[in-house]
Amino acid sequence: MYLGKVIGRIEARVRLPGLETQRIVLLQPLDFNQQPIRWTLLAADVTGAADGSLVLFEEGREAANPFDPPLPIDACIVAIVDDYQYQA
């Protein structure tokens, strides 16, 4: 599971079967100091996170697990972060 920030939304008129109702967002992965750690990515959002929300997301095979049948996605937001504490 990774920490990230929702930085935008993607609108697509043509989608694969199963993705027609899924919200797709632009996500910036962050370290625990909330600094960007790599490139941005697209993720399915099952939580309804707003723009600017701090979230937890999964990548790879685990990203498809919330869906039945599994969808062809690489990243999925699985939680909205209210607060966290980190000490280096």
PDB file of N, CA and C in Angstrom:
ATOM      1  N   MET A   1       0.844  -1.163   0.000  1.00  0.00           N
ATOM      2  CA  MET A   1       0.000   0.000   0.000  1.00  0.00           C
ATOM      3  C   MET A   1       0.897   1.235   0.000  1.00  0.00           C
ATOM      4  N   TYR A   2       0.475   2.248  -0.731  1.00  0.00           N
ATOM      5  CA  TYR A   2       1.285   3.450  -0.887  1.00  0.00           C
ATOM      6  C   TYR A   2       0.460   4.687  -0.546  1.00  0.00           C
ATOM      7  N   LEU A   3       1.142   5.752  -0.168  1.00  0.00           N
ATOM      8  CA  LEU A   3       0.515   7.032   0.129  1.00  0.00           C
ATOM      9  C   LEU A   3       0.519   7.884  -1.129  1.00  0.00           C
ATOM     10  N   GLY A   4      -0.562   8.606  -1.380  1.00  0.00           N
ATOM     11  CA  GLY A   4      -0.633   9.452  -2.562  1.00  0.00           C
ATOM     12  C   GLY A   4      -1.613  10.593  -2.372  1.00  0.00           C
ATOM     13  N   LYS A   5      -1.628  11.499  -3.342  1.00  0.00           N
ATOM     14  CA  LYS A   5      -2.524  12.645  -3.317  1.00  0.00           C
ATOM     15  C   LYS A   5      -3.258  12.731  -4.648  1.00  0.00           C
ATOM     16  N   VAL A   6      -4.574  12.910  -4.582  1.00  0.00           N
ATOM     17  CA  VAL A   6      -5.375  13.061  -5.795  1.00  0.00           C
ATOM     18  C   VAL A   6      -5.126  14.461  -6.340  1.00  0.00           C
ATOM     19  N   ILE A   7      -4.640  14.550  -7.583  1.00  0.00           N
ATOM     20  CA  ILE A   7      -4.327  15.854  -8.158  1.00  0.00           C
ATOM     21  C   ILE A   7      -5.169  16.193  -9.379  1.00  0.00           C
ATOM     22  N   GLY A   8      -6.093  15.313  -9.738  1.00  0.00           N
ATOM     23  CA  GLY A   8      -6.955  15.612 -10.879  1.00  0.00           C
ATOM     24  C   GLY A   8      -7.852  14.443 -11.225  1.00  0.00           C
ATOM     25  N   ARG A   9      -8.742  14.671 -12.198  1.00  0.00           N
ATOM     26  CA  ARG A   9      -9.659  13.632 -12.660  1.00  0.00           C
ATOM     27  C   ARG A   9      -9.472  13.425 -14.149  1.00  0.00           C
ATOM     28  N   ILE A  10      -9.804  12.238 -14.602  1.00  0.00           N
ATOM     29  CA  ILE A  10      -9.718  11.888 -16.015  1.00  0.00           C
ATOM     30  C   ILE A  10     -11.128  11.632 -16.527  1.00  0.00           C
ATOM     31  N   GLU A  11     -11.465  12.259 -17.634  1.00  0.00           N
ATOM     32  CA  GLU A  11     -12.746  12.016 -18.291  1.00  0.00           C
ATOM     33  C   GLU A  11     -12.465  11.239 -19.573  1.00  0.00           C
ATOM     34  N   ALA A  12     -13.141  10.111 -19.728  1.00  0.00           N
ATOM     35  CA  ALA A  12     -12.969   9.289 -20.925  1.00  0.00           C
ATOM     36  C   ALA A  12     -14.340   8.841 -21.415  1.00  0.00           C
ATOM     37  N   ARG A  13     -14.638   9.117 -22.659  1.00  0.00           N
ATOM     38  CA  ARG A  13     -15.940   8.731 -23.214  1.00  0.00           C
ATOM     39  C   ARG A  13     -15.981   7.275 -23.607  1.00  0.00           C
ATOM     40  N   VAL A  14     -14.852   6.718 -24.013  1.00  0.00           N
ATOM     41  CA  VAL A  14     -14.793   5.313 -24.420  1.00  0.00           C
ATOM     42  C   VAL A  14     -13.979   4.559 -23.378  1.00  0.00           C
ATOM     43  N   ARG A  15     -14.601   3.514 -22.795  1.00  0.00           N
ATOM     44  CA  ARG A  15     -13.934   2.743 -21.748  1.00  0.00           C
ATOM     45  C   ARG A  15     -14.147   1.259 -21.986  1.00  0.00           C
ATOM     46  N   LEU A  16     -13.265   0.459 -21.413  1.00  0.00           N
ATOM     47  CA  LEU A  16     -13.408  -0.997 -21.476  1.00  0.00           C
ATOM     48  C   LEU A  16     -14.640  -1.433 -20.690  1.00  0.00           C
ATOM     49  N   PRO A  17     -15.221  -2.575 -21.037  1.00  0.00           N
ATOM     50  CA  PRO A  17     -16.343  -3.094 -20.261  1.00  0.00           C
ATOM     51  C   PRO A  17     -15.953  -3.274 -18.791  1.00  0.00           C
ATOM     52  N   GLY A  18     -16.806  -2.822 -17.901  1.00  0.00           N
ATOM     53  CA  GLY A  18     -16.536  -2.879 -16.468  1.00  0.00           C
ATOM     54  C   GLY A  18     -15.999  -1.574 -15.914  1.00  0.00           C
ATOM     55  N   LEU A  19     -15.411  -0.745 -16.777  1.00  0.00           N
ATOM     56  CA  LEU A  19     -14.865   0.541 -16.327  1.00  0.00           C
ATOM     57  C   LEU A  19     -15.811   1.717 -16.597  1.00  0.00           C
ATOM     58  N   GLU A  20     -16.985   1.442 -17.177  1.00  0.00           N
ATOM     59  CA  GLU A  20     -17.887   2.530 -17.554  1.00  0.00           C
ATOM     60  C   GLU A  20     -18.313   3.378 -16.355  1.00  0.00           C
ATOM     61  N   THR A  21     -18.482   2.780 -15.200  1.00  0.00           N
ATOM     62  CA  THR A  21     -18.970   3.517 -14.030  1.00  0.00           C
ATOM     63  C   THR A  21     -17.863   3.881 -13.045  1.00  0.00           C
ATOM     64  N   GLN A  22     -16.630   3.482 -13.327  1.00  0.00           N
ATOM     65  CA  GLN A  22     -15.528   3.756 -12.398  1.00  0.00           C
ATOM     66  C   GLN A  22     -14.981   5.167 -12.595  1.00  0.00           C
ATOM     67  N   ARG A  23     -14.713   5.832 -11.486  1.00  0.00           N
ATOM     68  CA  ARG A  23     -14.077   7.153 -11.506  1.00  0.00           C
ATOM     69  C   ARG A  23     -12.572   6.942 -11.642  1.00  0.00           C
ATOM     70  N   ILE A  24     -11.954   7.649 -12.582  1.00  0.00           N
ATOM     71  CA  ILE A  24     -10.510   7.545 -12.804  1.00  0.00           C
ATOM     72  C   ILE A  24      -9.878   8.878 -12.394  1.00  0.00           C
ATOM     73  N   VAL A  25      -8.844   8.819 -11.557  1.00  0.00           N
ATOM     74  CA  VAL A  25      -8.200  10.030 -11.058  1.00  0.00           C
ATOM     75  C   VAL A  25      -6.705  10.017 -11.377  1.00  0.00           C
ATOM     76  N   LEU A  26      -6.126  11.200 -11.362  1.00  0.00           N
ATOM     77  CA  LEU A  26      -4.682  11.375 -11.499  1.00  0.00           C
ATOM     78  C   LEU A  26      -4.108  11.435 -10.092  1.00  0.00           C
ATOM     79  N   LEU A  27      -3.087  10.632  -9.843  1.00  0.00           N
ATOM     80  CA  LEU A  27      -2.579  10.439  -8.495  1.00  0.00           C
ATOM     81  C   LEU A  27      -1.078  10.695  -8.447  1.00  0.00           C
ATOM     82  N   GLN A  28      -0.627  11.430  -7.416  1.00  0.00           N
ATOM     83  CA  GLN A  28       0.798  11.674  -7.204  1.00  0.00           C
ATOM     84  C   GLN A  28       1.265  10.854  -5.999  1.00  0.00           C
ATOM     85  N   PRO A  29       2.086   9.823  -6.198  1.00  0.00           N
ATOM     86  CA  PRO A  29       2.630   9.070  -5.062  1.00  0.00           C
ATOM     87  C   PRO A  29       3.523   9.963  -4.192  1.00  0.00           C
ATOM     88  N   LEU A  30       3.440   9.778  -2.875  1.00  0.00           N
ATOM     89  CA  LEU A  30       4.178  10.610  -1.922  1.00  0.00           C
ATOM     90  C   LEU A  30       4.957   9.752  -0.947  1.00  0.00           C
ATOM     91  N   ASP A  31       6.027  10.339  -0.370  1.00  0.00           N
ATOM     92  CA  ASP A  31       6.682   9.685   0.758  1.00  0.00           C
ATOM     93  C   ASP A  31       5.973  10.140   2.031  1.00  0.00           C
ATOM     94  N   PHE A  32       6.434   9.698   3.201  1.00  0.00           N
ATOM     95  CA  PHE A  32       5.736  10.053   4.440  1.00  0.00           C
ATOM     96  C   PHE A  32       5.928  11.499   4.856  1.00  0.00           C
ATOM     97  N   ASN A  33       6.825  12.225   4.184  1.00  0.00           N
ATOM     98  CA  ASN A  33       6.950  13.672   4.396  1.00  0.00           C
ATOM     99  C   ASN A  33       6.111  14.445   3.375  1.00  0.00           C
ATOM    100  N   GLN A  34       5.267  13.723   2.644  1.00  0.00           N
ATOM    101  CA  GLN A  34       4.374  14.245   1.614  1.00  0.00           C
ATOM    102  C   GLN A  34       5.123  14.930   0.467  1.00  0.00           C
ATOM    103  N   GLN A  35       6.297  14.376   0.121  1.00  0.00           N
ATOM    104  CA  GLN A  35       7.059  14.837  -1.024  1.00  0.00           C
ATOM    105  C   GLN A  35       6.866  13.838  -2.166  1.00  0.00           C
ATOM    106  N   PRO A  36       6.720  14.326  -3.410  1.00  0.00           N
ATOM    107  CA  PRO A  36       6.560  13.408  -4.551  1.00  0.00           C
ATOM    108  C   PRO A  36       7.751  12.453  -4.654  1.00  0.00           C
ATOM    109  N   ILE A  37       7.466  11.179  -4.942  1.00  0.00           N
ATOM    110  CA  ILE A  37       8.555  10.198  -5.015  1.00  0.00           C
ATOM    111  C   ILE A  37       8.751   9.628  -6.413  1.00  0.00           C
ATOM    112  N   ARG A  38       7.781   9.795  -7.301  1.00  0.00           N
ATOM    113  CA  ARG A  38       7.945   9.299  -8.671  1.00  0.00           C
ATOM    114  C   ARG A  38       6.881   9.909  -9.556  1.00  0.00           C
ATOM    115  N   TRP A  39       6.738   9.385 -10.742  1.00  0.00           N
ATOM    116  CA  TRP A  39       5.807   9.915 -11.725  1.00  0.00           C
ATOM    117  C   TRP A  39       4.357   9.778 -11.260  1.00  0.00           C
ATOM    118  N   THR A  40       3.485  10.588 -11.835  1.00  0.00           N
ATOM    119  CA  THR A  40       2.062  10.479 -11.535  1.00  0.00           C
ATOM    120  C   THR A  40       1.478   9.268 -12.252  1.00  0.00           C
ATOM    121  N   LEU A  41       0.314   8.828 -11.792  1.00  0.00           N
ATOM    122  CA  LEU A  41      -0.320   7.670 -12.397  1.00  0.00           C
ATOM    123  C   LEU A  41      -1.832   7.821 -12.368  1.00  0.00           C
ATOM    124  N   LEU A  42      -2.501   6.982 -13.143  1.00  0.00           N
ATOM    125  CA  LEU A  42      -3.956   6.942 -13.162  1.00  0.00           C
ATOM    126  C   LEU A  42      -4.412   5.817 -12.249  1.00  0.00           C
ATOM    127  N   ALA A  43      -5.497   6.065 -11.507  1.00  0.00           N
ATOM    128  CA  ALA A  43      -6.003   5.049 -10.589  1.00  0.00           C
ATOM    129  C   ALA A  43      -7.522   5.058 -10.581  1.00  0.00           C
ATOM    130  N   ALA A  44      -8.110   3.879 -10.438  1.00  0.00           N
ATOM    131  CA  ALA A  44      -9.550   3.780 -10.219  1.00  0.00           C
ATOM    132  C   ALA A  44      -9.805   4.207  -8.775  1.00  0.00           C
ATOM    133  N   ASP A  45     -10.898   4.929  -8.557  1.00  0.00           N
ATOM    134  CA  ASP A  45     -11.219   5.431  -7.216  1.00  0.00           C
ATOM    135  C   ASP A  45     -12.524   4.809  -6.745  1.00  0.00           C
ATOM    136  N   VAL A  46     -12.448   3.913  -5.771  1.00  0.00           N
ATOM    137  CA  VAL A  46     -13.652   3.288  -5.223  1.00  0.00           C
ATOM    138  C   VAL A  46     -14.112   3.977  -3.944  1.00  0.00           C
ATOM    139  N   THR A  47     -13.374   5.016  -3.506  1.00  0.00           N
ATOM    140  CA  THR A  47     -13.686   5.684  -2.241  1.00  0.00           C
ATOM    141  C   THR A  47     -14.418   6.999  -2.408  1.00  0.00           C
ATOM    142  N   GLY A  48     -14.370   7.590  -3.590  1.00  0.00           N
ATOM    143  CA  GLY A  48     -14.974   8.906  -3.792  1.00  0.00           C
ATOM    144  C   GLY A  48     -14.106  10.038  -3.272  1.00  0.00           C
ATOM    145  N   ALA A  49     -12.792   9.873  -3.301  1.00  0.00           N
ATOM    146  CA  ALA A  49     -11.861  10.883  -2.807  1.00  0.00           C
ATOM    147  C   ALA A  49     -11.951  12.157  -3.639  1.00  0.00           C
ATOM    148  N   ALA A  50     -11.917  13.299  -2.969  1.00  0.00           N
ATOM    149  CA  ALA A  50     -11.975  14.600  -3.637  1.00  0.00           C
ATOM    150  C   ALA A  50     -10.587  15.010  -4.117  1.00  0.00           C
ATOM    151  N   ASP A  51     -10.549  15.979  -5.026  1.00  0.00           N
ATOM    152  CA  ASP A  51      -9.260  16.522  -5.461  1.00  0.00           C
ATOM    153  C   ASP A  51      -8.520  17.071  -4.244  1.00  0.00           C
ATOM    154  N   GLY A  52      -7.235  16.756  -4.139  1.00  0.00           N
ATOM    155  CA  GLY A  52      -6.425  17.206  -3.014  1.00  0.00           C
ATOM    156  C   GLY A  52      -6.424  16.257  -1.836  1.00  0.00           C
ATOM    157  N   SER A  53      -7.230  15.193  -1.885  1.00  0.00           N
ATOM    158  CA  SER A  53      -7.297  14.235  -0.775  1.00  0.00           C
ATOM    159  C   SER A  53      -6.023  13.405  -0.670  1.00  0.00           C
ATOM    160  N   LEU A  54      -5.626  13.117   0.549  1.00  0.00           N
ATOM    161  CA  LEU A  54      -4.530  12.202   0.833  1.00  0.00           C
ATOM    162  C   LEU A  54      -5.128  10.800   0.892  1.00  0.00           C
ATOM    163  N   VAL A  55      -4.563   9.866   0.136  1.00  0.00           N
ATOM    164  CA  VAL A  55      -5.169   8.536   0.005  1.00  0.00           C
ATOM    165  C   VAL A  55      -4.123   7.437   0.112  1.00  0.00           C
ATOM    166  N   LEU A  56      -4.610   6.214   0.309  1.00  0.00           N
ATOM    167  CA  LEU A  56      -3.789   5.019   0.200  1.00  0.00           C
ATOM    168  C   LEU A  56      -4.203   4.305  -1.073  1.00  0.00           C
ATOM    169  N   PHE A  57      -3.224   3.786  -1.810  1.00  0.00           N
ATOM    170  CA  PHE A  57      -3.551   3.087  -3.041  1.00  0.00           C
ATOM    171  C   PHE A  57      -2.714   1.825  -3.183  1.00  0.00           C
ATOM    172  N   GLU A  58      -3.257   0.915  -3.962  1.00  0.00           N
ATOM    173  CA  GLU A  58      -2.586  -0.346  -4.280  1.00  0.00           C
ATOM    174  C   GLU A  58      -2.231  -0.343  -5.753  1.00  0.00           C
ATOM    175  N   GLU A  59      -1.183  -1.078  -6.085  1.00  0.00           N
ATOM    176  CA  GLU A  59      -0.799  -1.239  -7.487  1.00  0.00           C
ATOM    177  C   GLU A  59      -0.700  -2.727  -7.805  1.00  0.00           C
ATOM    178  N   GLY A  60      -0.706  -3.026  -9.095  1.00  0.00           N
ATOM    179  CA  GLY A  60      -0.527  -4.399  -9.542  1.00  0.00           C
ATOM    180  C   GLY A  60      -1.766  -5.252  -9.338  1.00  0.00           C
ATOM    181  N   ARG A  61      -1.558  -6.520  -9.108  1.00  0.00           N
ATOM    182  CA  ARG A  61      -2.658  -7.485  -8.977  1.00  0.00           C
ATOM    183  C   ARG A  61      -3.646  -7.093  -7.874  1.00  0.00           C
ATOM    184  N   GLU A  62      -3.140  -6.550  -6.771  1.00  0.00           N
ATOM    185  CA  GLU A  62      -3.992  -6.173  -5.653  1.00  0.00           C
ATOM    186  C   GLU A  62      -4.973  -5.068  -6.022  1.00  0.00           C
ATOM    187  N   ALA A  63      -4.645  -4.256  -7.006  1.00  0.00           N
ATOM    188  CA  ALA A  63      -5.527  -3.165  -7.424  1.00  0.00           C
ATOM    189  C   ALA A  63      -6.832  -3.680  -8.017  1.00  0.00           C
ATOM    190  N   ALA A  64      -6.812  -4.843  -8.625  1.00  0.00           N
ATOM    191  CA  ALA A  64      -8.008  -5.408  -9.248  1.00  0.00           C
ATOM    192  C   ALA A  64      -8.887  -6.169  -8.255  1.00  0.00           C
ATOM    193  N   ASN A  65      -8.411  -6.465  -7.075  1.00  0.00           N
ATOM    194  CA  ASN A  65      -9.144  -7.285  -6.114  1.00  0.00           C
ATOM    195  C   ASN A  65     -10.484  -6.725  -5.651  1.00  0.00           C
ATOM    196  N   PRO A  66     -10.690  -5.407  -5.505  1.00  0.00           N
ATOM    197  CA  PRO A  66     -11.998  -4.935  -5.044  1.00  0.00           C
ATOM    198  C   PRO A  66     -13.128  -5.172  -6.047  1.00  0.00           C
ATOM    199  N   PHE A  67     -12.813  -5.565  -7.251  1.00  0.00           N
ATOM    200  CA  PHE A  67     -13.816  -5.675  -8.306  1.00  0.00           C
ATOM    201  C   PHE A  67     -14.130  -7.136  -8.620  1.00  0.00           C
ATOM    202  N   ASP A  68     -15.408  -7.404  -8.853  1.00  0.00           N
ATOM    203  CA  ASP A  68     -15.835  -8.752  -9.227  1.00  0.00           C
ATOM    204  C   ASP A  68     -16.671  -8.669 -10.489  1.00  0.00           C
ATOM    205  N   PRO A  69     -16.185  -9.126 -11.615  1.00  0.00           N
ATOM    206  CA  PRO A  69     -14.894  -9.763 -11.852  1.00  0.00           C
ATOM    207  C   PRO A  69     -13.764  -8.728 -11.837  1.00  0.00           C
ATOM    208  N   PRO A  70     -12.514  -9.178 -11.645  1.00  0.00           N
ATOM    209  CA  PRO A  70     -11.379  -8.244 -11.628  1.00  0.00           C
ATOM    210  C   PRO A  70     -11.309  -7.410 -12.913  1.00  0.00           C
ATOM    211  N   LEU A  71     -10.998  -6.122 -12.748  1.00  0.00           N
ATOM    212  CA  LEU A  71     -10.885  -5.208 -13.888  1.00  0.00           C
ATOM    213  C   LEU A  71      -9.430  -5.067 -14.314  1.00  0.00           C
ATOM    214  N   PRO A  72      -9.189  -4.707 -15.563  1.00  0.00           N
ATOM    215  CA  PRO A  72      -7.810  -4.540 -16.051  1.00  0.00           C
ATOM    216  C   PRO A  72      -7.244  -3.173 -15.653  1.00  0.00           C
ATOM    217  N   ILE A  73      -6.922  -3.020 -14.366  1.00  0.00           N
ATOM    218  CA  ILE A  73      -6.370  -1.756 -13.872  1.00  0.00           C
ATOM    219  C   ILE A  73      -5.037  -2.023 -13.185  1.00  0.00           C
ATOM    220  N   ASP A  74      -4.202  -0.975 -13.108  1.00  0.00           N
ATOM    221  CA  ASP A  74      -2.888  -1.092 -12.478  1.00  0.00           C
ATOM    222  C   ASP A  74      -2.822  -0.441 -11.109  1.00  0.00           C
ATOM    223  N   ALA A  75      -3.780   0.463 -10.795  1.00  0.00           N
ATOM    224  CA  ALA A  75      -3.764   1.139  -9.500  1.00  0.00           C
ATOM    225  C   ALA A  75      -5.196   1.416  -9.062  1.00  0.00           C
ATOM    226  N   CYS A  76      -5.422   1.362  -7.744  1.00  0.00           N
ATOM    227  CA  CYS A  76      -6.750   1.579  -7.195  1.00  0.00           C
ATOM    228  C   CYS A  76      -6.635   2.251  -5.829  1.00  0.00           C
ATOM    229  N   ILE A  77      -7.386   3.327  -5.629  1.00  0.00           N
ATOM    230  CA  ILE A  77      -7.440   3.981  -4.321  1.00  0.00           C
ATOM    231  C   ILE A  77      -8.323   3.127  -3.419  1.00  0.00           C
ATOM    232  N   VAL A  78      -7.807   2.774  -2.240  1.00  0.00           N
ATOM    233  CA  VAL A  78      -8.545   1.894  -1.334  1.00  0.00           C
ATOM    234  C   VAL A  78      -8.911   2.560  -0.012  1.00  0.00           C
ATOM    235  N   ALA A  79      -8.353   3.733   0.295  1.00  0.00           N
ATOM    236  CA  ALA A  79      -8.672   4.408   1.560  1.00  0.00           C
ATOM    237  C   ALA A  79      -8.369   5.897   1.456  1.00  0.00           C
ATOM    238  N   ILE A  80      -9.134   6.692   2.194  1.00  0.00           N
ATOM    239  CA  ILE A  80      -8.875   8.125   2.341  1.00  0.00           C
ATOM    240  C   ILE A  80      -8.204   8.310   3.699  1.00  0.00           C
ATOM    241  N   VAL A  81      -7.071   9.003   3.730  1.00  0.00           N
ATOM    242  CA  VAL A  81      -6.302   9.180   4.960  1.00  0.00           C
ATOM    243  C   VAL A  81      -6.815  10.432   5.687  1.00  0.00           C
ATOM    244  N   ASP A  82      -7.238  10.257   6.929  1.00  0.00           N
ATOM    245  CA  ASP A  82      -7.656  11.399   7.747  1.00  0.00           C
ATOM    246  C   ASP A  82      -6.440  12.032   8.417  1.00  0.00           C
ATOM    247  N   ASP A  83      -5.556  11.192   8.944  1.00  0.00           N
ATOM    248  CA  ASP A  83      -4.394  11.695   9.670  1.00  0.00           C
ATOM    249  C   ASP A  83      -3.387  10.558   9.790  1.00  0.00           C
ATOM    250  N   TYR A  84      -2.117  10.888   9.927  1.00  0.00           N
ATOM    251  CA  TYR A  84      -1.101   9.887  10.208  1.00  0.00           C
ATOM    252  C   TYR A  84       0.045  10.539  10.944  1.00  0.00           C
ATOM    253  N   GLN A  85       0.810   9.735  11.680  1.00  0.00           N
ATOM    254  CA  GLN A  85       1.981  10.207  12.387  1.00  0.00           C
ATOM    255  C   GLN A  85       3.188   9.434  11.878  1.00  0.00           C
ATOM    256  N   TYR A  86       4.260  10.164  11.610  1.00  0.00           N
ATOM    257  CA  TYR A  86       5.472   9.538  11.109  1.00  0.00           C
ATOM    258  C   TYR A  86       6.654  10.163  11.812  1.00  0.00           C
ATOM    259  N   GLN A  87       7.545   9.301  12.326  1.00  0.00           N
ATOM    260  CA  GLN A  87       8.747   9.782  12.983  1.00  0.00           C
ATOM    261  C   GLN A  87       9.938   9.067  12.394  1.00  0.00           C
ATOM    262  N   ALA A  88      10.875   9.831  11.836  1.00  0.00           N
ATOM    263  CA  ALA A  88      12.055   9.231  11.196  1.00  0.00           C
ATOM    264  C   ALA A  88      13.098   8.826  12.198  1.00  0.00           C
TER     265      ALA A  88
END
